Amino acid sequence: MLYLLNSPVLTSYGLWRFRGPLSLKMARSLLTEGFVSAIGHEASARFLGAQLGVEVPANRVSVNLNPGDAALVLRLKQRLPEGVVLSAQEMEAVAWELALMERVE
């Protein structure tokens, strides 16, 4: 299963691999088999969807990656001040990258 996350979170104990940054082309190719959005903020979902060229629904759920599962991660390259929630337009001004987090075992 492939999940979309807006931060790299180890959902349980295990062996993990974290690769990146990924190009948009590589990220789009990962989505061809489908995905589950766990992007909890509407603005982040809209921003990521615009970058990837797919609809990304906002879906504030907890996920638990099992061995063999992976997550495409929208990773902001700076820490936001406490309590700040960015709009999709404001996110365009923040440095970001995509990464792939995989649960190996």
PDB file of N, CA and C in Angstrom:
ATOM      1  N   MET A   1       0.859  -1.179   0.000  1.00  0.00           N
ATOM      2  CA  MET A   1       0.000   0.000   0.000  1.00  0.00           C
ATOM      3  C   MET A   1       0.899   1.232   0.000  1.00  0.00           C
ATOM      4  N   LEU A   2       0.490   2.260  -0.751  1.00  0.00           N
ATOM      5  CA  LEU A   2       1.195   3.535  -0.780  1.00  0.00           C
ATOM      6  C   LEU A   2       0.319   4.589  -0.117  1.00  0.00           C
ATOM      7  N   TYR A   3       0.885   5.287   0.839  1.00  0.00           N
ATOM      8  CA  TYR A   3       0.204   6.365   1.540  1.00  0.00           C
ATOM      9  C   TYR A   3       0.828   7.697   1.154  1.00  0.00           C
ATOM     10  N   LEU A   4       0.071   8.767   1.279  1.00  0.00           N
ATOM     11  CA  LEU A   4       0.606  10.114   1.159  1.00  0.00           C
ATOM     12  C   LEU A   4       0.595  10.730   2.549  1.00  0.00           C
ATOM     13  N   LEU A   5       1.749  11.244   2.972  1.00  0.00           N
ATOM     14  CA  LEU A   5       1.890  11.857   4.292  1.00  0.00           C
ATOM     15  C   LEU A   5       2.477  13.256   4.146  1.00  0.00           C
ATOM     16  N   ASN A   6       2.169  14.132   5.110  1.00  0.00           N
ATOM     17  CA  ASN A   6       2.762  15.461   5.059  1.00  0.00           C
ATOM     18  C   ASN A   6       3.889  15.631   6.067  1.00  0.00           C
ATOM     19  N   SER A   7       4.404  14.532   6.578  1.00  0.00           N
ATOM     20  CA  SER A   7       5.628  14.535   7.377  1.00  0.00           C
ATOM     21  C   SER A   7       6.095  13.087   7.519  1.00  0.00           C
ATOM     22  N   PRO A   8       7.395  12.895   7.649  1.00  0.00           N
ATOM     23  CA  PRO A   8       7.892  11.522   7.811  1.00  0.00           C
ATOM     24  C   PRO A   8       7.691  11.057   9.255  1.00  0.00           C
ATOM     25  N   VAL A   9       6.781  10.122   9.439  1.00  0.00           N
ATOM     26  CA  VAL A   9       6.446   9.627  10.777  1.00  0.00           C
ATOM     27  C   VAL A   9       6.601   8.108  10.784  1.00  0.00           C
ATOM     28  N   LEU A  10       7.431   7.604  11.682  1.00  0.00           N
ATOM     29  CA  LEU A  10       7.540   6.152  11.840  1.00  0.00           C
ATOM     30  C   LEU A  10       6.318   5.701  12.622  1.00  0.00           C
ATOM     31  N   THR A  11       5.473   4.920  11.979  1.00  0.00           N
ATOM     32  CA  THR A  11       4.181   4.566  12.569  1.00  0.00           C
ATOM     33  C   THR A  11       4.260   3.391  13.538  1.00  0.00           C
ATOM     34  N   SER A  12       5.378   2.697  13.546  1.00  0.00           N
ATOM     35  CA  SER A  12       5.572   1.589  14.490  1.00  0.00           C
ATOM     36  C   SER A  12       7.044   1.202  14.467  1.00  0.00           C
ATOM     37  N   TYR A  13       7.412   0.299  15.354  1.00  0.00           N
ATOM     38  CA  TYR A  13       8.780  -0.192  15.375  1.00  0.00           C
ATOM     39  C   TYR A  13       9.033  -1.063  14.156  1.00  0.00           C
ATOM     40  N   GLY A  14      10.254  -1.073  13.692  1.00  0.00           N
ATOM     41  CA  GLY A  14      10.607  -1.891  12.545  1.00  0.00           C
ATOM     42  C   GLY A  14      11.826  -1.324  11.852  1.00  0.00           C
ATOM     43  N   LEU A  15      12.108  -1.861  10.706  1.00  0.00           N
ATOM     44  CA  LEU A  15      13.221  -1.407   9.885  1.00  0.00           C
ATOM     45  C   LEU A  15      12.645  -0.541   8.766  1.00  0.00           C
ATOM     46  N   TRP A  16      13.184   0.656   8.621  1.00  0.00           N
ATOM     47  CA  TRP A  16      12.659   1.637   7.680  1.00  0.00           C
ATOM     48  C   TRP A  16      13.755   2.096   6.725  1.00  0.00           C
ATOM     49  N   ARG A  17      13.328   2.529   5.526  1.00  0.00           N
ATOM     50  CA  ARG A  17      14.231   3.151   4.555  1.00  0.00           C
ATOM     51  C   ARG A  17      13.597   4.483   4.160  1.00  0.00           C
ATOM     52  N   PHE A  18      14.414   5.534   4.115  1.00  0.00           N
ATOM     53  CA  PHE A  18      13.930   6.879   3.784  1.00  0.00           C
ATOM     54  C   PHE A  18      14.815   7.427   2.679  1.00  0.00           C
ATOM     55  N   ARG A  19      14.230   7.619   1.483  1.00  0.00           N
ATOM     56  CA  ARG A  19      15.001   8.062   0.315  1.00  0.00           C
ATOM     57  C   ARG A  19      14.459   9.376  -0.224  1.00  0.00           C
ATOM     58  N   GLY A  20      15.369  10.151  -0.770  1.00  0.00           N
ATOM     59  CA  GLY A  20      14.934  11.387  -1.390  1.00  0.00           C
ATOM     60  C   GLY A  20      16.103  12.321  -1.569  1.00  0.00           C
ATOM     61  N   PRO A  21      15.858  13.474  -2.048  1.00  0.00           N
ATOM     62  CA  PRO A  21      14.557  13.901  -2.541  1.00  0.00           C
ATOM     63  C   PRO A  21      14.203  13.223  -3.858  1.00  0.00           C
ATOM     64  N   LEU A  22      12.898  13.077  -4.092  1.00  0.00           N
ATOM     65  CA  LEU A  22      12.393  12.477  -5.323  1.00  0.00           C
ATOM     66  C   LEU A  22      11.994  13.569  -6.300  1.00  0.00           C
ATOM     67  N   SER A  23      12.187  13.308  -7.568  1.00  0.00           N
ATOM     68  CA  SER A  23      11.692  14.217  -8.602  1.00  0.00           C
ATOM     69  C   SER A  23      10.175  14.067  -8.695  1.00  0.00           C
ATOM     70  N   LEU A  24       9.523  15.084  -9.252  1.00  0.00           N
ATOM     71  CA  LEU A  24       8.079  14.986  -9.464  1.00  0.00           C
ATOM     72  C   LEU A  24       7.748  13.833 -10.397  1.00  0.00           C
ATOM     73  N   LYS A  25       8.582  13.609 -11.403  1.00  0.00           N
ATOM     74  CA  LYS A  25       8.356  12.500 -12.335  1.00  0.00           C
ATOM     75  C   LYS A  25       8.367  11.161 -11.598  1.00  0.00           C
ATOM     76  N   MET A  26       9.340  10.968 -10.737  1.00  0.00           N
ATOM     77  CA  MET A  26       9.432   9.724  -9.964  1.00  0.00           C
ATOM     78  C   MET A  26       8.233   9.590  -9.026  1.00  0.00           C
ATOM     79  N   ALA A  27       7.868  10.680  -8.363  1.00  0.00           N
ATOM     80  CA  ALA A  27       6.727  10.647  -7.441  1.00  0.00           C
ATOM     81  C   ALA A  27       5.441  10.297  -8.188  1.00  0.00           C
ATOM     82  N   ARG A  28       5.238  10.899  -9.358  1.00  0.00           N
ATOM     83  CA  ARG A  28       4.037  10.596 -10.141  1.00  0.00           C
ATOM     84  C   ARG A  28       3.990   9.134 -10.556  1.00  0.00           C
ATOM     85  N   SER A  29       5.145   8.569 -10.885  1.00  0.00           N
ATOM     86  CA  SER A  29       5.175   7.160 -11.308  1.00  0.00           C
ATOM     87  C   SER A  29       4.789   6.229 -10.160  1.00  0.00           C
ATOM     88  N   LEU A  30       5.050   6.633  -8.930  1.00  0.00           N
ATOM     89  CA  LEU A  30       4.680   5.803  -7.779  1.00  0.00           C
ATOM     90  C   LEU A  30       3.166   5.736  -7.580  1.00  0.00           C
ATOM     91  N   LEU A  31       2.462   6.733  -8.065  1.00  0.00           N
ATOM     92  CA  LEU A  31       1.020   6.839  -7.828  1.00  0.00           C
ATOM     93  C   LEU A  31       0.172   6.012  -8.785  1.00  0.00           C
ATOM     94  N   THR A  32       0.786   5.400  -9.780  1.00  0.00           N
ATOM     95  CA  THR A  32       0.018   4.708 -10.813  1.00  0.00           C
ATOM     96  C   THR A  32      -0.800   3.531 -10.287  1.00  0.00           C
ATOM     97  N   GLU A  33      -0.367   2.927  -9.197  1.00  0.00           N
ATOM     98  CA  GLU A  33      -1.094   1.781  -8.625  1.00  0.00           C
ATOM     99  C   GLU A  33      -2.125   2.208  -7.585  1.00  0.00           C
ATOM    100  N   GLY A  34      -2.269   3.527  -7.379  1.00  0.00           N
ATOM    101  CA  GLY A  34      -3.215   4.036  -6.391  1.00  0.00           C
ATOM    102  C   GLY A  34      -2.526   4.398  -5.084  1.00  0.00           C
ATOM    103  N   PHE A  35      -3.258   5.095  -4.232  1.00  0.00           N
ATOM    104  CA  PHE A  35      -2.701   5.552  -2.962  1.00  0.00           C
ATOM    105  C   PHE A  35      -3.828   5.852  -1.992  1.00  0.00           C
ATOM    106  N   VAL A  36      -3.459   5.948  -0.733  1.00  0.00           N
ATOM    107  CA  VAL A  36      -4.369   6.387   0.324  1.00  0.00           C
ATOM    108  C   VAL A  36      -3.812   7.684   0.876  1.00  0.00           C
ATOM    109  N   SER A  37      -4.596   8.747   0.816  1.00  0.00           N
ATOM    110  CA  SER A  37      -4.156  10.022   1.362  1.00  0.00           C
ATOM    111  C   SER A  37      -4.330  10.022   2.876  1.00  0.00           C
ATOM    112  N   ALA A  38      -3.260  10.414   3.564  1.00  0.00           N
ATOM    113  CA  ALA A  38      -3.331  10.676   5.000  1.00  0.00           C
ATOM    114  C   ALA A  38      -2.839  12.104   5.236  1.00  0.00           C
ATOM    115  N   ILE A  39      -3.118  12.972   4.249  1.00  0.00           N
ATOM    116  CA  ILE A  39      -2.773  14.384   4.342  1.00  0.00           C
ATOM    117  C   ILE A  39      -3.905  15.057   5.111  1.00  0.00           C
ATOM    118  N   GLY A  40      -3.611  15.525   6.294  1.00  0.00           N
ATOM    119  CA  GLY A  40      -4.650  16.009   7.192  1.00  0.00           C
ATOM    120  C   GLY A  40      -5.094  17.438   6.992  1.00  0.00           C
ATOM    121  N   HIS A  41      -4.345  18.219   6.248  1.00  0.00           N
ATOM    122  CA  HIS A  41      -4.696  19.628   6.062  1.00  0.00           C
ATOM    123  C   HIS A  41      -5.118  19.879   4.620  1.00  0.00           C
ATOM    124  N   GLU A  42      -6.246  20.556   4.463  1.00  0.00           N
ATOM    125  CA  GLU A  42      -6.801  20.825   3.143  1.00  0.00           C
ATOM    126  C   GLU A  42      -5.805  21.542   2.240  1.00  0.00           C
ATOM    127  N   ALA A  43      -5.118  22.546   2.759  1.00  0.00           N
ATOM    128  CA  ALA A  43      -4.167  23.308   1.938  1.00  0.00           C
ATOM    129  C   ALA A  43      -3.020  22.415   1.473  1.00  0.00           C
ATOM    130  N   SER A  44      -2.530  21.571   2.333  1.00  0.00           N
ATOM    131  CA  SER A  44      -1.442  20.654   1.958  1.00  0.00           C
ATOM    132  C   SER A  44      -1.913  19.680   0.891  1.00  0.00           C
ATOM    133  N   ALA A  45      -3.134  19.192   1.033  1.00  0.00           N
ATOM    134  CA  ALA A  45      -3.687  18.256   0.044  1.00  0.00           C
ATOM    135  C   ALA A  45      -3.814  18.937  -1.314  1.00  0.00           C
ATOM    136  N   ARG A  46      -4.331  20.180  -1.333  1.00  0.00           N
ATOM    137  CA  ARG A  46      -4.463  20.909  -2.600  1.00  0.00           C
ATOM    138  C   ARG A  46      -3.094  21.181  -3.215  1.00  0.00           C
ATOM    139  N   PHE A  47      -2.144  21.609  -2.396  1.00  0.00           N
ATOM    140  CA  PHE A  47      -0.801  21.908  -2.885  1.00  0.00           C
ATOM    141  C   PHE A  47      -0.156  20.663  -3.483  1.00  0.00           C
ATOM    142  N   LEU A  48      -0.197  19.553  -2.749  1.00  0.00           N
ATOM    143  CA  LEU A  48       0.426  18.321  -3.227  1.00  0.00           C
ATOM    144  C   LEU A  48      -0.265  17.815  -4.489  1.00  0.00           C
ATOM    145  N   GLY A  49      -1.581  17.889  -4.521  1.00  0.00           N
ATOM    146  CA  GLY A  49      -2.321  17.477  -5.710  1.00  0.00           C
ATOM    147  C   GLY A  49      -1.929  18.289  -6.930  1.00  0.00           C
ATOM    148  N   ALA A  50      -1.756  19.590  -6.754  1.00  0.00           N
ATOM    149  CA  ALA A  50      -1.352  20.449  -7.868  1.00  0.00           C
ATOM    150  C   ALA A  50       0.046  20.078  -8.366  1.00  0.00           C
ATOM    151  N   GLN A  51       0.942  19.755  -7.456  1.00  0.00           N
ATOM    152  CA  GLN A  51       2.307  19.388  -7.849  1.00  0.00           C
ATOM    153  C   GLN A  51       2.325  18.053  -8.588  1.00  0.00           C
ATOM    154  N   LEU A  52       1.507  17.107  -8.133  1.00  0.00           N
ATOM    155  CA  LEU A  52       1.524  15.756  -8.688  1.00  0.00           C
ATOM    156  C   LEU A  52       0.561  15.571  -9.861  1.00  0.00           C
ATOM    157  N   GLY A  53      -0.336  16.516 -10.044  1.00  0.00           N
ATOM    158  CA  GLY A  53      -1.293  16.401 -11.148  1.00  0.00           C
ATOM    159  C   GLY A  53      -2.390  15.387 -10.896  1.00  0.00           C
ATOM    160  N   VAL A  54      -2.704  15.141  -9.630  1.00  0.00           N
ATOM    161  CA  VAL A  54      -3.782  14.220  -9.260  1.00  0.00           C
ATOM    162  C   VAL A  54      -4.602  14.850  -8.142  1.00  0.00           C
ATOM    163  N   GLU A  55      -5.809  14.352  -7.965  1.00  0.00           N
ATOM    164  CA  GLU A  55      -6.609  14.829  -6.841  1.00  0.00           C
ATOM    165  C   GLU A  55      -6.125  14.137  -5.564  1.00  0.00           C
ATOM    166  N   VAL A  56      -5.778  14.946  -4.576  1.00  0.00           N
ATOM    167  CA  VAL A  56      -5.360  14.428  -3.283  1.00  0.00           C
ATOM    168  C   VAL A  56      -6.385  14.898  -2.258  1.00  0.00           C
ATOM    169  N   PRO A  57      -7.218  14.001  -1.776  1.00  0.00           N
ATOM    170  CA  PRO A  57      -8.209  14.418  -0.784  1.00  0.00           C
ATOM    171  C   PRO A  57      -7.559  14.652   0.586  1.00  0.00           C
ATOM    172  N   ALA A  58      -8.058  15.652   1.290  1.00  0.00           N
ATOM    173  CA  ALA A  58      -7.648  15.837   2.680  1.00  0.00           C
ATOM    174  C   ALA A  58      -8.283  14.707   3.476  1.00  0.00           C
ATOM    175  N   ASN A  59      -7.498  14.061   4.294  1.00  0.00           N
ATOM    176  CA  ASN A  59      -7.977  12.879   5.005  1.00  0.00           C
ATOM    177  C   ASN A  59      -7.192  12.777   6.305  1.00  0.00           C
ATOM    178  N   ARG A  60      -7.746  13.314   7.369  1.00  0.00           N
ATOM    179  CA  ARG A  60      -7.051  13.370   8.656  1.00  0.00           C
ATOM    180  C   ARG A  60      -7.244  12.047   9.395  1.00  0.00           C
ATOM    181  N   VAL A  61      -6.410  11.072   9.039  1.00  0.00           N
ATOM    182  CA  VAL A  61      -6.477   9.744   9.646  1.00  0.00           C
ATOM    183  C   VAL A  61      -5.096   9.338  10.129  1.00  0.00           C
ATOM    184  N   SER A  62      -5.069   8.425  11.057  1.00  0.00           N
ATOM    185  CA  SER A  62      -3.817   7.806  11.477  1.00  0.00           C
ATOM    186  C   SER A  62      -3.601   6.571  10.621  1.00  0.00           C
ATOM    187  N   VAL A  63      -2.362   6.339  10.244  1.00  0.00           N
ATOM    188  CA  VAL A  63      -2.057   5.152   9.457  1.00  0.00           C
ATOM    189  C   VAL A  63      -0.987   4.344  10.169  1.00  0.00           C
ATOM    190  N   ASN A  64      -0.956   3.060   9.876  1.00  0.00           N
ATOM    191  CA  ASN A  64       0.053   2.165  10.414  1.00  0.00           C
ATOM    192  C   ASN A  64       0.634   1.384   9.247  1.00  0.00           C
ATOM    193  N   LEU A  65       1.828   1.750   8.833  1.00  0.00           N
ATOM    194  CA  LEU A  65       2.454   1.068   7.710  1.00  0.00           C
ATOM    195  C   LEU A  65       2.934  -0.302   8.153  1.00  0.00           C
ATOM    196  N   ASN A  66       2.611  -1.297   7.346  1.00  0.00           N
ATOM    197  CA  ASN A  66       3.060  -2.664   7.573  1.00  0.00           C
ATOM    198  C   ASN A  66       4.281  -2.928   6.709  1.00  0.00           C
ATOM    199  N   PRO A  67       5.043  -3.987   7.008  1.00  0.00           N
ATOM    200  CA  PRO A  67       6.170  -4.315   6.131  1.00  0.00           C
ATOM    201  C   PRO A  67       5.705  -4.421   4.676  1.00  0.00           C
ATOM    202  N   GLY A  68       6.437  -3.757   3.786  1.00  0.00           N
ATOM    203  CA  GLY A  68       6.076  -3.712   2.373  1.00  0.00           C
ATOM    204  C   GLY A  68       5.311  -2.465   1.981  1.00  0.00           C
ATOM    205  N   ASP A  69       4.760  -1.746   2.958  1.00  0.00           N
ATOM    206  CA  ASP A  69       4.056  -0.496   2.679  1.00  0.00           C
ATOM    207  C   ASP A  69       5.058   0.642   2.521  1.00  0.00           C
ATOM    208  N   ALA A  70       4.607   1.704   1.855  1.00  0.00           N
ATOM    209  CA  ALA A  70       5.460   2.872   1.645  1.00  0.00           C
ATOM    210  C   ALA A  70       4.607   4.131   1.763  1.00  0.00           C
ATOM    211  N   ALA A  71       5.298   5.264   1.938  1.00  0.00           N
ATOM    212  CA  ALA A  71       4.616   6.554   1.991  1.00  0.00           C
ATOM    213  C   ALA A  71       5.400   7.568   1.172  1.00  0.00           C
ATOM    214  N   LEU A  72       4.687   8.260   0.317  1.00  0.00           N
ATOM    215  CA  LEU A  72       5.246   9.408  -0.370  1.00  0.00           C
ATOM    216  C   LEU A  72       5.042  10.586   0.573  1.00  0.00           C
ATOM    217  N   VAL A  73       6.128  11.232   0.945  1.00  0.00           N
ATOM    218  CA  VAL A  73       6.094  12.246   1.999  1.00  0.00           C
ATOM    219  C   VAL A  73       6.350  13.633   1.419  1.00  0.00           C
ATOM    220  N   LEU A  74       5.447  14.566   1.690  1.00  0.00           N
ATOM    221  CA  LEU A  74       5.663  15.976   1.417  1.00  0.00           C
ATOM    222  C   LEU A  74       6.410  16.527   2.623  1.00  0.00           C
ATOM    223  N   ARG A  75       7.651  16.891   2.413  1.00  0.00           N
ATOM    224  CA  ARG A  75       8.519  17.286   3.527  1.00  0.00           C
ATOM    225  C   ARG A  75       8.896  18.749   3.390  1.00  0.00           C
ATOM    226  N   LEU A  76       8.406  19.578   4.317  1.00  0.00           N
ATOM    227  CA  LEU A  76       8.824  20.974   4.351  1.00  0.00           C
ATOM    228  C   LEU A  76      10.257  21.027   4.861  1.00  0.00           C
ATOM    229  N   LYS A  77      11.064  21.871   4.255  1.00  0.00           N
ATOM    230  CA  LYS A  77      12.483  21.919   4.594  1.00  0.00           C
ATOM    231  C   LYS A  77      12.786  22.941   5.684  1.00  0.00           C
ATOM    232  N   GLN A  78      11.750  23.440   6.320  1.00  0.00           N
ATOM    233  CA  GLN A  78      11.929  24.332   7.458  1.00  0.00           C
ATOM    234  C   GLN A  78      10.824  24.062   8.461  1.00  0.00           C
ATOM    235  N   ARG A  79      11.106  24.319   9.702  1.00  0.00           N
ATOM    236  CA  ARG A  79      10.101  24.150  10.755  1.00  0.00           C
ATOM    237  C   ARG A  79       9.285  25.430  10.844  1.00  0.00           C
ATOM    238  N   LEU A  80       7.971  25.276  10.812  1.00  0.00           N
ATOM    239  CA  LEU A  80       7.091  26.435  10.907  1.00  0.00           C
ATOM    240  C   LEU A  80       6.941  26.863  12.360  1.00  0.00           C
ATOM    241  N   PRO A  81       6.672  28.139  12.594  1.00  0.00           N
ATOM    242  CA  PRO A  81       6.414  28.577  13.966  1.00  0.00           C
ATOM    243  C   PRO A  81       5.199  27.846  14.547  1.00  0.00           C
ATOM    244  N   GLU A  82       5.171  27.718  15.839  1.00  0.00           N
ATOM    245  CA  GLU A  82       4.083  27.015  16.513  1.00  0.00           C
ATOM    246  C   GLU A  82       2.730  27.618  16.144  1.00  0.00           C
ATOM    247  N   GLY A  83       1.798  26.748  15.807  1.00  0.00           N
ATOM    248  CA  GLY A  83       0.436  27.159  15.520  1.00  0.00           C
ATOM    249  C   GLY A  83       0.190  27.695  14.116  1.00  0.00           C
ATOM    250  N   VAL A  84       1.223  27.790  13.298  1.00  0.00           N
ATOM    251  CA  VAL A  84       1.059  28.327  11.949  1.00  0.00           C
ATOM    252  C   VAL A  84       0.511  27.238  11.027  1.00  0.00           C
ATOM    253  N   VAL A  85      -0.547  27.566  10.308  1.00  0.00           N
ATOM    254  CA  VAL A  85      -1.112  26.689   9.289  1.00  0.00           C
ATOM    255  C   VAL A  85      -1.088  27.479   7.991  1.00  0.00           C
ATOM    256  N   LEU A  86      -0.396  26.959   6.999  1.00  0.00           N
ATOM    257  CA  LEU A  86      -0.235  27.660   5.734  1.00  0.00           C
ATOM    258  C   LEU A  86      -1.392  27.378   4.778  1.00  0.00           C
ATOM    259  N   SER A  87      -1.696  28.363   3.952  1.00  0.00           N
ATOM    260  CA  SER A  87      -2.638  28.150   2.855  1.00  0.00           C
ATOM    261  C   SER A  87      -1.868  27.479   1.720  1.00  0.00           C
ATOM    262  N   ALA A  88      -2.600  26.980   0.727  1.00  0.00           N
ATOM    263  CA  ALA A  88      -1.940  26.362  -0.427  1.00  0.00           C
ATOM    264  C   ALA A  88      -1.046  27.378  -1.123  1.00  0.00           C
ATOM    265  N   GLN A  89      -1.488  28.613  -1.207  1.00  0.00           N
ATOM    266  CA  GLN A  89      -0.696  29.668  -1.846  1.00  0.00           C
ATOM    267  C   GLN A  89       0.572  29.963  -1.034  1.00  0.00           C
ATOM    268  N   GLU A  90       0.468  30.016   0.273  1.00  0.00           N
ATOM    269  CA  GLU A  90       1.636  30.270   1.123  1.00  0.00           C
ATOM    270  C   GLU A  90       2.647  29.128   1.051  1.00  0.00           C
ATOM    271  N   MET A  91       2.153  27.902   0.842  1.00  0.00           N
ATOM    272  CA  MET A  91       3.059  26.752   0.759  1.00  0.00           C
ATOM    273  C   MET A  91       4.000  26.864  -0.430  1.00  0.00           C
ATOM    274  N   GLU A  92       3.569  27.555  -1.478  1.00  0.00           N
ATOM    275  CA  GLU A  92       4.421  27.711  -2.655  1.00  0.00           C
ATOM    276  C   GLU A  92       5.684  28.493  -2.346  1.00  0.00           C
ATOM    277  N   ALA A  93       5.671  29.296  -1.290  1.00  0.00           N
ATOM    278  CA  ALA A  93       6.833  30.104  -0.927  1.00  0.00           C
ATOM    279  C   ALA A  93       7.776  29.380   0.036  1.00  0.00           C
ATOM    280  N   VAL A  94       7.387  28.217   0.502  1.00  0.00           N
ATOM    281  CA  VAL A  94       8.192  27.459   1.467  1.00  0.00           C
ATOM    282  C   VAL A  94       8.985  26.384   0.723  1.00  0.00           C
ATOM    283  N   ALA A  95      10.244  26.223   1.084  1.00  0.00           N
ATOM    284  CA  ALA A  95      11.057  25.170   0.473  1.00  0.00           C
ATOM    285  C   ALA A  95      10.497  23.804   0.894  1.00  0.00           C
ATOM    286  N   TRP A  96      10.369  22.907  -0.064  1.00  0.00           N
ATOM    287  CA  TRP A  96       9.818  21.574   0.199  1.00  0.00           C
ATOM    288  C   TRP A  96      10.483  20.576  -0.725  1.00  0.00           C
ATOM    289  N   GLU A  97      10.275  19.302  -0.390  1.00  0.00           N
ATOM    290  CA  GLU A  97      10.743  18.214  -1.235  1.00  0.00           C
ATOM    291  C   GLU A  97       9.847  17.010  -1.005  1.00  0.00           C
ATOM    292  N   LEU A  98       9.987  16.033  -1.882  1.00  0.00           N
ATOM    293  CA  LEU A  98       9.257  14.774  -1.750  1.00  0.00           C
ATOM    294  C   LEU A  98      10.239  13.681  -1.394  1.00  0.00           C
ATOM    295  N   ALA A  99       9.809  12.751  -0.578  1.00  0.00           N
ATOM    296  CA  ALA A  99      10.651  11.635  -0.177  1.00  0.00           C
ATOM    297  C   ALA A  99       9.813  10.364  -0.151  1.00  0.00           C
ATOM    298  N   LEU A 100      10.486   9.229  -0.159  1.00  0.00           N
ATOM    299  CA  LEU A 100       9.807   7.940  -0.063  1.00  0.00           C
ATOM    300  C   LEU A 100      10.258   7.255   1.215  1.00  0.00           C
ATOM    301  N   MET A 101       9.299   6.935   2.057  1.00  0.00           N
ATOM    302  CA  MET A 101       9.553   6.238   3.315  1.00  0.00           C
ATOM    303  C   MET A 101       8.958   4.847   3.175  1.00  0.00           C
ATOM    304  N   GLU A 102       9.772   3.814   3.392  1.00  0.00           N
ATOM    305  CA  GLU A 102       9.326   2.435   3.212  1.00  0.00           C
ATOM    306  C   GLU A 102       9.525   1.647   4.506  1.00  0.00           C
ATOM    307  N   ARG A 103       8.526   0.853   4.845  1.00  0.00           N
ATOM    308  CA  ARG A 103       8.667  -0.068   5.989  1.00  0.00           C
ATOM    309  C   ARG A 103       9.193  -1.379   5.430  1.00  0.00           C
ATOM    310  N   VAL A 104      10.429  -1.717   5.785  1.00  0.00           N
ATOM    311  CA  VAL A 104      11.102  -2.909   5.270  1.00  0.00           C
ATOM    312  C   VAL A 104      10.686  -4.148   6.046  1.00  0.00           C
ATOM    313  N   GLU A 105      10.714  -4.056   7.368  1.00  0.00           N
ATOM    314  CA  GLU A 105      10.265  -5.197   8.209  1.00  0.00           C
ATOM    315  C   GLU A 105       9.776  -4.696   9.548  1.00  0.00           C
TER     316      GLU A 105
END
